[in-house]
C-alpha cells in the first residue's frame, strides 16, 4: 500500500514566496496613512480650537469696549480711551491669547488677537504649535 503526504512538498531551490513581503509593505503603508489621518484630525482640531479662542476673545474685548464707552456716550460723547482700556483689560485677563487694541479715526475700536495651541502629531516633524489670529471691531456711537 502506498501513502501520500499532503502538503506543499519540497521547496524549489532559488525560488521564494513573495506574498509575505507584499503584505508587510501594505501593512506598513496603511499604518503610515492612518497615522497621518489621525495627525490631521487631532492637530487640525488644535488649529480650530486656537481659531475659536482667538475669535471669542477678540469679540469679547470689542464688546467690552463698546460697553465701557456707552456710559460716557449718554453724557455727550463716547470716550475712546475708556473703551480702549476696557478692551485691553479683557486681553490682559486671557493668558492664552495675545493681542492689540487700536483706536481708529471715526471712533472705532479694533481688537486683533493671536492664539497658539501645541501639536501632538506634527511635533514629530518639527511643527510644535499651530497659530490662529482673529479681529473684531466696535463702533463707538454718540447717543442722542
Protein backbone atom coordinates (compact mmCIF):
# COMPACT_ATOMS: atom_id res chain seq x y z
CA UNK A 1 0.00 0.00 0.00
CA UNK A 2 1.28 3.47 -0.88
CA UNK A 3 0.58 6.55 1.22
CA UNK A 4 0.89 10.09 0.11
CA UNK A 5 1.58 13.01 2.43
CA UNK A 6 -0.45 16.16 1.96
CA UNK A 7 1.39 19.43 1.93
CA UNK A 8 3.32 21.81 -0.22
CA UNK A 9 6.06 19.36 -0.96
CA UNK A 10 9.71 20.13 -1.11
CA UNK A 11 10.67 23.75 -1.76
CA UNK A 12 12.32 24.51 -5.03
CA UNK A 13 15.79 25.91 -4.58
CA UNK A 14 16.21 29.56 -5.65
CA UNK A 15 12.51 30.42 -5.54
CA UNK A 16 10.94 32.50 -2.73
CA UNK A 17 7.38 33.20 -1.71
CA UNK A 18 6.85 36.97 -2.24
CA UNK A 19 3.39 37.18 -0.69
CA UNK A 20 4.72 37.79 2.82
CA UNK A 21 6.84 40.72 1.69
CA UNK A 22 3.99 42.38 -0.21
CA UNK A 23 1.71 42.04 2.80
CA UNK A 24 4.34 43.62 5.08
CA UNK A 25 4.70 46.61 2.74
CA UNK A 26 0.94 47.03 2.55
CA UNK A 27 0.56 46.92 6.35
CA UNK A 28 3.34 49.49 6.68
CA UNK A 29 1.71 51.84 4.16
CA UNK A 30 -1.73 51.51 5.76
CA UNK A 31 -0.26 52.19 9.21
CA UNK A 32 1.54 55.31 7.99
CA UNK A 33 -1.63 56.53 6.20
CA UNK A 34 -3.73 56.02 9.34
CA UNK A 35 -1.14 57.86 11.42
CA UNK A 36 -1.21 60.80 9.01
CA UNK A 37 -5.01 60.91 9.08
CA UNK A 38 -5.03 60.82 12.88
CA UNK A 39 -2.49 63.65 12.87
CA UNK A 40 -4.67 65.73 10.58
CA UNK A 41 -7.70 65.17 12.77
CA UNK A 42 -6.01 65.86 16.12
CA UNK A 43 -3.76 68.73 15.05
CA UNK A 44 -6.49 70.13 12.79
CA UNK A 45 -8.68 70.20 15.89
CA UNK A 46 -5.98 72.13 17.71
CA UNK A 47 -5.99 74.68 14.87
CA UNK A 48 -9.77 75.05 15.11
CA UNK A 49 -9.54 75.44 18.89
CA UNK A 50 -6.93 78.20 18.53
CA UNK A 51 -9.08 79.99 15.95
CA UNK A 52 -12.21 79.81 18.10
CA UNK A 53 -10.33 81.05 21.16
CA UNK A 54 -8.79 84.00 19.30
CA UNK A 55 -12.18 84.93 17.81
CA UNK A 56 -14.02 84.67 21.12
CA UNK A 57 -11.52 86.87 22.95
CA UNK A 58 -11.46 89.48 20.15
CA UNK A 59 -15.24 89.70 20.14
CA UNK A 60 -15.40 89.83 23.94
CA UNK A 61 -12.86 92.68 24.06
CA UNK A 62 -14.73 94.64 21.37
CA UNK A 63 -18.00 94.24 23.28
CA UNK A 64 -16.30 95.37 26.49
CA UNK A 65 -15.01 98.44 24.67
CA UNK A 66 -18.49 99.31 23.42
CA UNK A 67 -19.98 98.80 26.89
CA UNK A 68 -17.35 101.00 28.52
CA UNK A 69 -17.98 103.78 26.03
CA UNK A 70 -21.76 103.55 26.39
CA UNK A 71 -21.90 105.32 29.75
CA UNK A 72 -19.95 108.32 28.51
CA UNK A 73 -21.97 108.32 25.27
CA UNK A 74 -25.09 109.09 27.32
CA UNK A 75 -23.34 112.14 28.75
CA UNK A 76 -22.50 113.64 25.38
CA UNK A 77 -19.89 111.57 23.57
CA UNK A 78 -18.25 108.16 23.82
CA UNK A 79 -14.84 108.04 25.49
CA UNK A 80 -12.43 106.12 23.23
CA UNK A 81 -9.78 105.97 25.96
CA UNK A 82 -12.15 104.21 28.38
CA UNK A 83 -13.17 101.84 25.60
CA UNK A 84 -9.53 101.04 24.80
CA UNK A 85 -8.76 100.45 28.46
CA UNK A 86 -11.70 98.05 28.80
CA UNK A 87 -10.63 96.08 25.73
CA UNK A 88 -7.04 95.93 26.99
CA UNK A 89 -8.26 94.64 30.35
CA UNK A 90 -10.07 91.77 28.63
CA UNK A 91 -6.91 90.87 26.69
CA UNK A 92 -4.81 91.01 29.85
CA UNK A 93 -7.18 88.58 31.58
CA UNK A 94 -6.64 85.92 28.88
CA UNK A 95 -3.20 84.31 29.29
CA UNK A 96 -3.59 82.01 26.26
CA UNK A 97 -4.29 84.87 23.86
CA UNK A 98 -2.23 87.91 22.95
CA UNK A 99 -3.47 90.93 21.10
CA UNK A 100 -3.57 94.63 20.41
CA UNK A 101 -6.20 97.32 20.75
CA UNK A 102 -6.26 100.16 18.24
CA UNK A 103 -8.39 103.29 18.41
CA UNK A 104 -9.13 104.28 14.83
CA UNK A 105 -10.43 107.55 13.43
CA UNK A 106 -14.19 107.83 13.46
CA UNK A 107 -14.47 106.40 16.97
CA UNK A 108 -13.82 102.78 16.04
CA UNK A 109 -12.04 100.29 18.30
CA UNK A 110 -10.26 97.39 16.58
CA UNK A 111 -9.05 94.37 18.54
CA UNK A 112 -6.63 91.91 16.94
CA UNK A 113 -5.80 88.65 18.72
CA UNK A 114 -3.45 85.71 18.28
CA UNK A 115 -3.71 82.27 19.86
CA UNK A 116 -1.37 79.31 19.84
CA UNK A 117 -2.00 75.62 20.59
CA UNK A 118 0.57 72.81 20.87
CA UNK A 119 0.53 70.00 18.32
CA UNK A 120 0.58 66.28 19.03
CA UNK A 121 1.48 64.53 15.78
CA UNK A 122 3.04 67.42 13.85
CA UNK A 123 5.63 67.85 16.61
CA UNK A 124 7.24 64.67 15.28
CA UNK A 125 8.24 66.56 12.12
CA UNK A 126 9.25 69.74 13.95
CA UNK A 127 6.00 71.73 13.99
CA UNK A 128 5.45 72.31 17.69
CA UNK A 129 2.35 74.50 17.58
CA UNK A 130 -0.39 75.90 15.38
CA UNK A 131 -1.31 79.59 15.34
CA UNK A 132 -4.52 81.46 14.67
CA UNK A 133 -5.48 85.10 14.56
CA UNK A 134 -8.76 86.98 14.62
CA UNK A 135 -10.06 90.51 14.82
CA UNK A 136 -13.18 92.33 15.85
CA UNK A 137 -14.20 95.95 15.93
CA UNK A 138 -16.74 98.13 17.68
CA UNK A 139 -18.09 101.50 16.61
CA UNK A 140 -18.48 104.00 19.42
CA UNK A 141 -21.62 105.91 18.60
CA UNK A 142 -22.96 109.12 20.01
CA UNK A 143 -26.38 108.72 21.60
CA UNK A 144 -28.94 111.46 21.38
